[in-house]
C-alpha atoms as a PDB file:
ATOM      1  CA  UNK A   1      78.507 104.621  98.615  1.00  0.00           C
ATOM      2  CA  UNK A   2      79.054 106.359  94.857  1.00  0.00           C
ATOM      3  CA  UNK A   3      76.096 108.708  94.487  1.00  0.00           C
ATOM      4  CA  UNK A   4      74.472 109.152  91.577  1.00  0.00           C
ATOM      5  CA  UNK A   5      71.842 111.927  90.100  1.00  0.00           C
ATOM      6  CA  UNK A   6      68.801 109.745  91.205  1.00  0.00           C
ATOM      7  CA  UNK A   7      70.687 109.070  94.609  1.00  0.00           C
ATOM      8  CA  UNK A   8      71.101 112.766  94.927  1.00  0.00           C
ATOM      9  CA  UNK A   9      67.467 113.614  93.941  1.00  0.00           C
ATOM     10  CA  UNK A  10      66.099 111.272  96.437  1.00  0.00           C
ATOM     11  CA  UNK A  11      68.019 112.294  98.831  1.00  0.00           C
ATOM     12  CA  UNK A  12      67.316 115.989  98.695  1.00  0.00           C
ATOM     13  CA  UNK A  13      63.670 115.413  98.974  1.00  0.00           C
ATOM     14  CA  UNK A  14      63.861 112.906 102.182  1.00  0.00           C
ATOM     15  CA  UNK A  15      66.533 115.706 103.937  1.00  0.00           C
ATOM     16  CA  UNK A  16      63.949 118.712 102.852  1.00  0.00           C
ATOM     17  CA  UNK A  17      61.195 117.136 104.373  1.00  0.00           C
ATOM     18  CA  UNK A  18      63.144 116.070 107.515  1.00  0.00           C
ATOM     19  CA  UNK A  19      64.787 119.351 107.799  1.00  0.00           C
ATOM     20  CA  UNK A  20      60.963 121.341 107.628  1.00  0.00           C
ATOM     21  CA  UNK A  21      62.565 124.701 106.662  1.00  0.00           C
ATOM     22  CA  UNK A  22      60.342 127.440 106.244  1.00  0.00           C
ATOM     23  CA  UNK A  23      59.634 128.595 102.602  1.00  0.00           C
ATOM     24  CA  UNK A  24      61.993 130.140 100.435  1.00  0.00           C
ATOM     25  CA  UNK A  25      61.033 133.436  99.165  1.00  0.00           C
ATOM     26  CA  UNK A  26      62.855 134.798  95.834  1.00  0.00           C
ATOM     27  CA  UNK A  27      64.719 137.765  97.250  1.00  0.00           C
ATOM     28  CA  UNK A  28      68.229 136.648  99.324  1.00  0.00           C
ATOM     29  CA  UNK A  29      67.622 132.790  99.224  1.00  0.00           C
ATOM     30  CA  UNK A  30      70.660 131.952  97.202  1.00  0.00           C
ATOM     31  CA  UNK A  31      73.637 133.544  98.678  1.00  0.00           C
ATOM     32  CA  UNK A  32      75.913 135.454  96.978  1.00  0.00           C
ATOM     33  CA  UNK A  33      79.714 134.690  97.280  1.00  0.00           C
ATOM     34  CA  UNK A  34      80.573 138.259  95.763  1.00  0.00           C
ATOM     35  CA  UNK A  35      83.766 140.092  95.659  1.00  0.00           C
ATOM     36  CA  UNK A  36      83.474 141.671  99.469  1.00  0.00           C
ATOM     37  CA  UNK A  37      82.573 138.367 100.855  1.00  0.00           C
ATOM     38  CA  UNK A  38      85.358 136.443  99.051  1.00  0.00           C
ATOM     39  CA  UNK A  39      87.971 139.646 100.183  1.00  0.00           C
ATOM     40  CA  UNK A  40      86.614 139.193 103.627  1.00  0.00           C
ATOM     41  CA  UNK A  41      87.566 135.607 104.113  1.00  0.00           C
ATOM     42  CA  UNK A  42      91.030 136.531 103.199  1.00  0.00           C
ATOM     43  CA  UNK A  43      91.639 139.666 104.325  1.00  0.00           C
ATOM     44  CA  UNK A  44      92.137 139.415 108.225  1.00  0.00           C
ATOM     45  CA  UNK A  45      90.649 137.146 111.002  1.00  0.00           C
ATOM     46  CA  UNK A  46      88.399 140.024 112.442  1.00  0.00           C
ATOM     47  CA  UNK A  47      87.304 140.078 108.610  1.00  0.00           C
ATOM     48  CA  UNK A  48      86.803 136.363 108.134  1.00  0.00           C
ATOM     49  CA  UNK A  49      84.953 136.232 111.309  1.00  0.00           C
ATOM     50  CA  UNK A  50      82.339 138.568 109.652  1.00  0.00           C
ATOM     51  CA  UNK A  51      81.756 136.098 106.978  1.00  0.00           C
ATOM     52  CA  UNK A  52      81.311 133.383 109.376  1.00  0.00           C
ATOM     53  CA  UNK A  53      78.223 135.500 111.071  1.00  0.00           C
ATOM     54  CA  UNK A  54      77.039 136.035 107.479  1.00  0.00           C
ATOM     55  CA  UNK A  55      77.094 132.371 106.552  1.00  0.00           C
ATOM     56  CA  UNK A  56      75.604 131.247 109.677  1.00  0.00           C
ATOM     57  CA  UNK A  57      73.033 133.720 109.623  1.00  0.00           C
ATOM     58  CA  UNK A  58      72.033 132.688 106.000  1.00  0.00           C
ATOM     59  CA  UNK A  59      71.400 129.403 107.046  1.00  0.00           C
ATOM     60  CA  UNK A  60      68.963 130.121 109.927  1.00  0.00           C
ATOM     61  CA  UNK A  61      72.041 129.592 112.713  1.00  0.00           C
ATOM     62  CA  UNK A  62      72.357 132.167 115.248  1.00  0.00           C
ATOM     63  CA  UNK A  63      75.975 133.352 115.795  1.00  0.00           C
ATOM     64  CA  UNK A  64      76.959 135.825 118.244  1.00  0.00           C
ATOM     65  CA  UNK A  65      80.214 135.385 118.144  1.00  0.00           C
ATOM     66  CA  UNK A  66      83.182 133.696 116.301  1.00  0.00           C
ATOM     67  CA  UNK A  67      86.698 132.781 116.803  1.00  0.00           C
ATOM     68  CA  UNK A  68      89.088 131.654 114.314  1.00  0.00           C
ATOM     69  CA  UNK A  69      92.606 129.748 115.315  1.00  0.00           C
ATOM     70  CA  UNK A  70      95.297 129.055 112.257  1.00  0.00           C
ATOM     71  CA  UNK A  71      96.293 125.036 113.369  1.00  0.00           C
ATOM     72  CA  UNK A  72      98.088 123.067 111.074  1.00  0.00           C
ATOM     73  CA  UNK A  73      96.091 120.123 110.052  1.00  0.00           C
ATOM     74  CA  UNK A  74      93.299 121.240 111.404  1.00  0.00           C
ATOM     75  CA  UNK A  75      89.697 121.701 110.446  1.00  0.00           C
ATOM     76  CA  UNK A  76      87.180 121.728 113.063  1.00  0.00           C
ATOM     77  CA  UNK A  77      84.180 123.374 114.536  1.00  0.00           C
ATOM     78  CA  UNK A  78      82.761 123.816 118.171  1.00  0.00           C
ATOM     79  CA  UNK A  79      80.076 125.439 119.541  1.00  0.00           C
ATOM     80  CA  UNK A  80      79.622 127.029 123.621  1.00  0.00           C
ATOM     81  CA  UNK A  81      76.187 128.687 123.008  1.00  0.00           C
ATOM     82  CA  UNK A  82      75.994 130.751 120.171  1.00  0.00           C
ATOM     83  CA  UNK A  83      79.849 131.034 119.729  1.00  0.00           C
ATOM     84  CA  UNK A  84      81.634 129.550 117.451  1.00  0.00           C
ATOM     85  CA  UNK A  85      85.215 128.325 117.061  1.00  0.00           C
ATOM     86  CA  UNK A  86      87.333 127.311 113.905  1.00  0.00           C
ATOM     87  CA  UNK A  87      90.508 125.655 113.750  1.00  0.00           C
ATOM     88  CA  UNK A  88      91.276 126.284 110.621  1.00  0.00           C
ATOM     89  CA  UNK A  89      94.788 124.909 108.921  1.00  0.00           C
ATOM     90  CA  UNK A  90      96.752 128.129 108.075  1.00  0.00           C
ATOM     91  CA  UNK A  91      97.561 126.664 104.488  1.00  0.00           C
ATOM     92  CA  UNK A  92      94.041 127.962 103.566  1.00  0.00           C
ATOM     93  CA  UNK A  93      94.805 131.105 104.677  1.00  0.00           C
ATOM     94  CA  UNK A  94      94.611 133.145 101.414  1.00  0.00           C
ATOM     95  CA  UNK A  95      92.258 130.404  99.590  1.00  0.00           C
ATOM     96  CA  UNK A  96      88.743 132.356  99.376  1.00  0.00           C
ATOM     97  CA  UNK A  97      87.098 129.266  97.876  1.00  0.00           C
ATOM     98  CA  UNK A  98      88.379 126.715 100.125  1.00  0.00           C
ATOM     99  CA  UNK A  99      87.552 129.032 103.280  1.00  0.00           C
ATOM    100  CA  UNK A 100      83.837 129.593 101.459  1.00  0.00           C
ATOM    101  CA  UNK A 101      83.316 126.049 101.526  1.00  0.00           C
ATOM    102  CA  UNK A 102      84.583 125.383 105.205  1.00  0.00           C
ATOM    103  CA  UNK A 103      82.209 128.166 106.446  1.00  0.00           C
ATOM    104  CA  UNK A 104      79.157 126.918 103.951  1.00  0.00           C
ATOM    105  CA  UNK A 105      79.824 123.359 105.712  1.00  0.00           C
ATOM    106  CA  UNK A 106      80.047 124.153 108.869  1.00  0.00           C
ATOM    107  CA  UNK A 107      76.617 126.276 108.648  1.00  0.00           C
ATOM    108  CA  UNK A 108      75.660 123.015 107.446  1.00  0.00           C
ATOM    109  CA  UNK A 109      76.479 120.865 109.921  1.00  0.00           C
ATOM    110  CA  UNK A 110      75.223 123.100 112.376  1.00  0.00           C
ATOM    111  CA  UNK A 111      71.681 123.133 110.914  1.00  0.00           C
ATOM    112  CA  UNK A 112      71.379 119.970 110.882  1.00  0.00           C
ATOM    113  CA  UNK A 113      72.381 119.900 114.814  1.00  0.00           C
ATOM    114  CA  UNK A 114      69.642 122.370 115.471  1.00  0.00           C
ATOM    115  CA  UNK A 115      66.923 120.584 112.994  1.00  0.00           C
ATOM    116  CA  UNK A 116      67.660 117.621 115.302  1.00  0.00           C
ATOM    117  CA  UNK A 117      68.166 115.674 112.069  1.00  0.00           C
ATOM    118  CA  UNK A 118      71.167 113.176 111.954  1.00  0.00           C
ATOM    119  CA  UNK A 119      73.803 113.430 109.332  1.00  0.00           C
ATOM    120  CA  UNK A 120      73.815 109.725 108.193  1.00  0.00           C
ATOM    121  CA  UNK A 121      75.772 110.211 104.651  1.00  0.00           C
ATOM    122  CA  UNK A 122      78.621 112.070 104.273  1.00  0.00           C
ATOM    123  CA  UNK A 123      77.090 114.150 101.201  1.00  0.00           C
ATOM    124  CA  UNK A 124      74.045 115.192 103.626  1.00  0.00           C
ATOM    125  CA  UNK A 125      76.037 118.329 104.577  1.00  0.00           C
ATOM    126  CA  UNK A 126      76.649 119.354 101.189  1.00  0.00           C
ATOM    127  CA  UNK A 127      72.717 118.887 100.314  1.00  0.00           C
ATOM    128  CA  UNK A 128      71.829 120.885 103.215  1.00  0.00           C
ATOM    129  CA  UNK A 129      73.289 123.693 102.134  1.00  0.00           C
ATOM    130  CA  UNK A 130      71.845 123.535  98.723  1.00  0.00           C
ATOM    131  CA  UNK A 131      68.547 123.130 100.722  1.00  0.00           C
ATOM    132  CA  UNK A 132      69.005 126.679 102.859  1.00  0.00           C
ATOM    133  CA  UNK A 133      70.557 128.735 100.284  1.00  0.00           C
ATOM    134  CA  UNK A 134      73.840 128.351 100.538  1.00  0.00           C
ATOM    135  CA  UNK A 135      75.111 126.077  97.048  1.00  0.00           C
ATOM    136  CA  UNK A 136      77.047 128.984  95.199  1.00  0.00           C
ATOM    137  CA  UNK A 137      79.891 128.650  97.131  1.00  0.00           C
ATOM    138  CA  UNK A 138      79.708 124.677  97.211  1.00  0.00           C
ATOM    139  CA  UNK A 139      79.858 124.928  93.287  1.00  0.00           C
ATOM    140  CA  UNK A 140      82.606 127.859  92.681  1.00  0.00           C
ATOM    141  CA  UNK A 141      84.976 125.127  95.123  1.00  0.00           C
ATOM    142  CA  UNK A 142      83.462 121.917  93.703  1.00  0.00           C
ATOM    143  CA  UNK A 143      86.907 120.993  92.775  1.00  0.00           C
ATOM    144  CA  UNK A 144      88.371 121.395  95.931  1.00  0.00           C
ATOM    145  CA  UNK A 145      89.139 117.942  97.804  1.00  0.00           C
ATOM    146  CA  UNK A 146      87.329 116.937 100.445  1.00  0.00           C
ATOM    147  CA  UNK A 147      83.706 116.513  98.449  1.00  0.00           C
ATOM    148  CA  UNK A 148      81.398 113.477  99.320  1.00  0.00           C
ATOM    149  CA  UNK A 149      79.980 114.616  96.124  1.00  0.00           C
ATOM    150  CA  UNK A 150      81.483 114.902  92.556  1.00  0.00           C
ATOM    151  CA  UNK A 151      81.673 117.846  91.198  1.00  0.00           C
ATOM    152  CA  UNK A 152      78.751 116.930  88.618  1.00  0.00           C
ATOM    153  CA  UNK A 153      76.726 116.137  91.499  1.00  0.00           C
ATOM    154  CA  UNK A 154      77.275 119.382  93.392  1.00  0.00           C
ATOM    155  CA  UNK A 155      76.253 121.618  90.221  1.00  0.00           C
ATOM    156  CA  UNK A 156      73.309 118.881  89.648  1.00  0.00           C
ATOM    157  CA  UNK A 157      71.870 119.513  92.917  1.00  0.00           C
ATOM    158  CA  UNK A 158      72.498 123.237  92.801  1.00  0.00           C
ATOM    159  CA  UNK A 159      69.934 123.061  89.855  1.00  0.00           C
ATOM    160  CA  UNK A 160      67.823 120.690  91.342  1.00  0.00           C
ATOM    161  CA  UNK A 161      66.923 123.125  94.233  1.00  0.00           C
ATOM    162  CA  UNK A 162      67.403 126.107  92.202  1.00  0.00           C
ATOM    163  CA  UNK A 163      65.075 124.952  89.512  1.00  0.00           C
ATOM    164  CA  UNK A 164      62.278 123.588  92.087  1.00  0.00           C
ATOM    165  CA  UNK A 165      62.209 126.817  93.735  1.00  0.00           C
ATOM    166  CA  UNK A 166      61.086 128.584  90.412  1.00  0.00           C
ATOM    167  CA  UNK A 167      64.090 131.067  90.980  1.00  0.00           C
ATOM    168  CA  UNK A 168      65.039 131.268  87.290  1.00  0.00           C
ATOM    169  CA  UNK A 169      67.788 130.481  85.168  1.00  0.00           C
ATOM    170  CA  UNK A 170      69.800 134.264  85.194  1.00  0.00           C
ATOM    171  CA  UNK A 171      69.200 134.315  89.047  1.00  0.00           C
ATOM    172  CA  UNK A 172      70.651 131.071  89.386  1.00  0.00           C
ATOM    173  CA  UNK A 173      73.866 131.309  87.260  1.00  0.00           C
ATOM    174  CA  UNK A 174      74.692 134.691  88.586  1.00  0.00           C
ATOM    175  CA  UNK A 175      78.513 134.590  89.552  1.00  0.00           C
ATOM    176  CA  UNK A 176      78.922 131.120  88.406  1.00  0.00           C
ATOM    177  CA  UNK A 177      81.872 130.111  86.244  1.00  0.00           C
ATOM    178  CA  UNK A 178      79.806 126.591  85.513  1.00  0.00           C
ATOM    179  CA  UNK A 179      77.442 128.159  83.170  1.00  0.00           C
ATOM    180  CA  UNK A 180      77.536 125.955  80.090  1.00  0.00           C
ATOM    181  CA  UNK A 181      77.117 122.873  82.366  1.00  0.00           C
ATOM    182  CA  UNK A 182      74.404 124.387  84.779  1.00  0.00           C
ATOM    183  CA  UNK A 183      72.666 125.298  81.783  1.00  0.00           C
ATOM    184  CA  UNK A 184      72.311 122.395  80.306  1.00  0.00           C
ATOM    185  CA  UNK A 185      71.497 120.416  83.357  1.00  0.00           C
ATOM    186  CA  UNK A 186      68.760 123.185  83.830  1.00  0.00           C
ATOM    187  CA  UNK A 187      67.023 121.977  80.642  1.00  0.00           C
ATOM    188  CA  UNK A 188      66.440 118.588  82.163  1.00  0.00           C
ATOM    189  CA  UNK A 189      66.435 118.325  86.045  1.00  0.00           C
ATOM    190  CA  UNK A 190      63.032 117.883  87.898  1.00  0.00           C
ATOM    191  CA  UNK A 191      60.731 121.419  88.416  1.00  0.00           C
ATOM    192  CA  UNK A 192      58.542 119.025  91.174  1.00  0.00           C
ATOM    193  CA  UNK A 193      58.895 121.105  94.241  1.00  0.00           C
ATOM    194  CA  UNK A 194      60.715 120.091  97.422  1.00  0.00           C
ATOM    195  CA  UNK A 195      58.772 119.995 100.747  1.00  0.00           C
ATOM    196  CA  UNK A 196      59.391 123.218 102.717  1.00  0.00           C
ATOM    197  CA  UNK A 197      56.824 124.458 106.003  1.00  0.00           C
ATOM    198  CA  UNK A 198      54.071 126.798 104.670  1.00  0.00           C
ATOM    199  CA  UNK A 199      54.814 130.852 104.207  1.00  0.00           C
ATOM    200  CA  UNK A 200      56.278 133.113 107.141  1.00  0.00           C
ATOM    201  CA  UNK A 201      54.851 136.442 107.116  1.00  0.00           C
ATOM    202  CA  UNK A 202      58.019 138.584 106.572  1.00  0.00           C
ATOM    203  CA  UNK A 203      61.702 137.833 105.234  1.00  0.00           C
ATOM    204  CA  UNK A 204      65.131 139.064 105.884  1.00  0.00           C
ATOM    205  CA  UNK A 205      67.039 140.814 102.818  1.00  0.00           C
ATOM    206  CA  UNK A 206      70.413 142.591 103.098  1.00  0.00           C
ATOM    207  CA  UNK A 207      71.141 145.704 102.322  1.00  0.00           C
ATOM    208  CA  UNK A 208      73.961 146.894 100.534  1.00  0.00           C
ATOM    209  CA  UNK A 209      75.464 148.142 103.146  1.00  0.00           C
ATOM    210  CA  UNK A 210      74.759 144.577 104.541  1.00  0.00           C
ATOM    211  CA  UNK A 211      72.184 145.822 107.094  1.00  0.00           C
ATOM    212  CA  UNK A 212      69.528 143.244 107.632  1.00  0.00           C
ATOM    213  CA  UNK A 213      65.682 144.192 106.709  1.00  0.00           C
ATOM    214  CA  UNK A 214      62.697 143.207 107.201  1.00  0.00           C
ATOM    215  CA  UNK A 215      60.237 143.370 104.492  1.00  0.00           C
ATOM    216  CA  UNK A 216      56.710 141.467 104.001  1.00  0.00           C
ATOM    217  CA  UNK A 217      56.841 138.070 102.414  1.00  0.00           C
ATOM    218  CA  UNK A 218      54.646 138.246  99.365  1.00  0.00           C
ATOM    219  CA  UNK A 219      55.177 141.417  98.377  1.00  0.00           C
ATOM    220  CA  UNK A 220      57.502 143.800  95.621  1.00  0.00           C
ATOM    221  CA  UNK A 221      59.019 147.030  96.558  1.00  0.00           C
ATOM    222  CA  UNK A 222      61.433 149.085  97.713  1.00  0.00           C
ATOM    223  CA  UNK A 223      62.857 149.731 101.502  1.00  0.00           C
ATOM    224  CA  UNK A 224      64.880 152.261 102.713  1.00  0.00           C
ATOM    225  CA  UNK A 225      67.586 150.927 104.882  1.00  0.00           C
ATOM    226  CA  UNK A 226      67.748 153.008 108.719  1.00  0.00           C
ATOM    227  CA  UNK A 227      71.530 152.968 108.486  1.00  0.00           C
ATOM    228  CA  UNK A 228      72.467 153.961 105.151  1.00  0.00           C
ATOM    229  CA  UNK A 229      69.602 155.462 104.098  1.00  0.00           C
ATOM    230  CA  UNK A 230      69.356 154.095 100.443  1.00  0.00           C
ATOM    231  CA  UNK A 231      66.326 152.574  98.668  1.00  0.00           C
ATOM    232  CA  UNK A 232      66.900 148.454  98.600  1.00  0.00           C
ATOM    233  CA  UNK A 233      64.185 147.145  95.545  1.00  0.00           C
ATOM    234  CA  UNK A 234      62.971 143.801  97.077  1.00  0.00           C
ATOM    235  CA  UNK A 235      60.903 140.900  95.852  1.00  0.00           C
ATOM    236  CA  UNK A 236      59.200 138.934  98.620  1.00  0.00           C
ATOM    237  CA  UNK A 237      57.409 136.441  96.941  1.00  0.00           C
ATOM    238  CA  UNK A 238      57.121 132.951  97.660  1.00  0.00           C
ATOM    239  CA  UNK A 239      59.414 130.104  95.916  1.00  0.00           C
ATOM    240  CA  UNK A 240      57.173 127.176  94.236  1.00  0.00           C
ATOM    241  CA  UNK A 241      57.052 124.521  97.162  1.00  0.00           C
ATOM    242  CA  UNK A 242      55.399 121.730  98.542  1.00  0.00           C
ATOM    243  CA  UNK A 243      54.154 122.165 101.839  1.00  0.00           C
ATOM    244  CA  UNK A 244      55.047 119.535 104.356  1.00  0.00           C
ATOM    245  CA  UNK A 245      52.947 119.731 107.969  1.00  0.00           C
ATOM    246  CA  UNK A 246      54.709 117.042 109.481  1.00  0.00           C
ATOM    247  CA  UNK A 247      58.419 116.059 108.932  1.00  0.00           C
ATOM    248  CA  UNK A 248      59.143 111.926 108.330  1.00  0.00           C
ATOM    249  CA  UNK A 249      61.555 110.108 109.572  1.00  0.00           C
ATOM    250  CA  UNK A 250      64.647 110.667 107.117  1.00  0.00           C
ATOM    251  CA  UNK A 251      65.521 107.309 105.578  1.00  0.00           C
END
């Protein structure tokens, strides 16, 4: 299968309808592969395990524990309850972008399983990652080996999701290297809403210290972290979506 922008567009809509994810809010939908996250991927096994948990929680997949084993030629993920076991080729041990891609793919595949949606196309995992806000690490690593989508279509899918949710260009381009290409895409991708579930009453954001904070959906304001005591501004307004009541069959 040779993906095109038209195919990518249709597949995104079909996957969004089948997954029936909760309506995103502007605060915290896009996962930020910031310096701290990239360092945690390569600093130590313990730090990498924390990075795994952060990615899985962002996708809405429970992760109580993560174990990493370095095994030549391997890229595999197994599950025991809410514990996750990764086997990763040691050649990627110091490659923060590749490790980010591996973690994002694993979280997206786990989300497909939890939602009872069968992975039918090789690109499904990458597109699901976009729909749950994990697109930035994929855009950063789009030129690495192993992608089902070409780099141009990875960027297209990322721009399509962000534009449909009305996240804003500045928020979407933050920390991305492909700024020029993304800006051109932003001018022409569709703004039509993607199908999501109705709004939830609260949303989870992360403090500067990485503590998870629950804030009211629809509100704009400031909350104080009980751990570090710092004030954290938040934007809990809902993104633009098409509300879906029942998930259709995935074509």
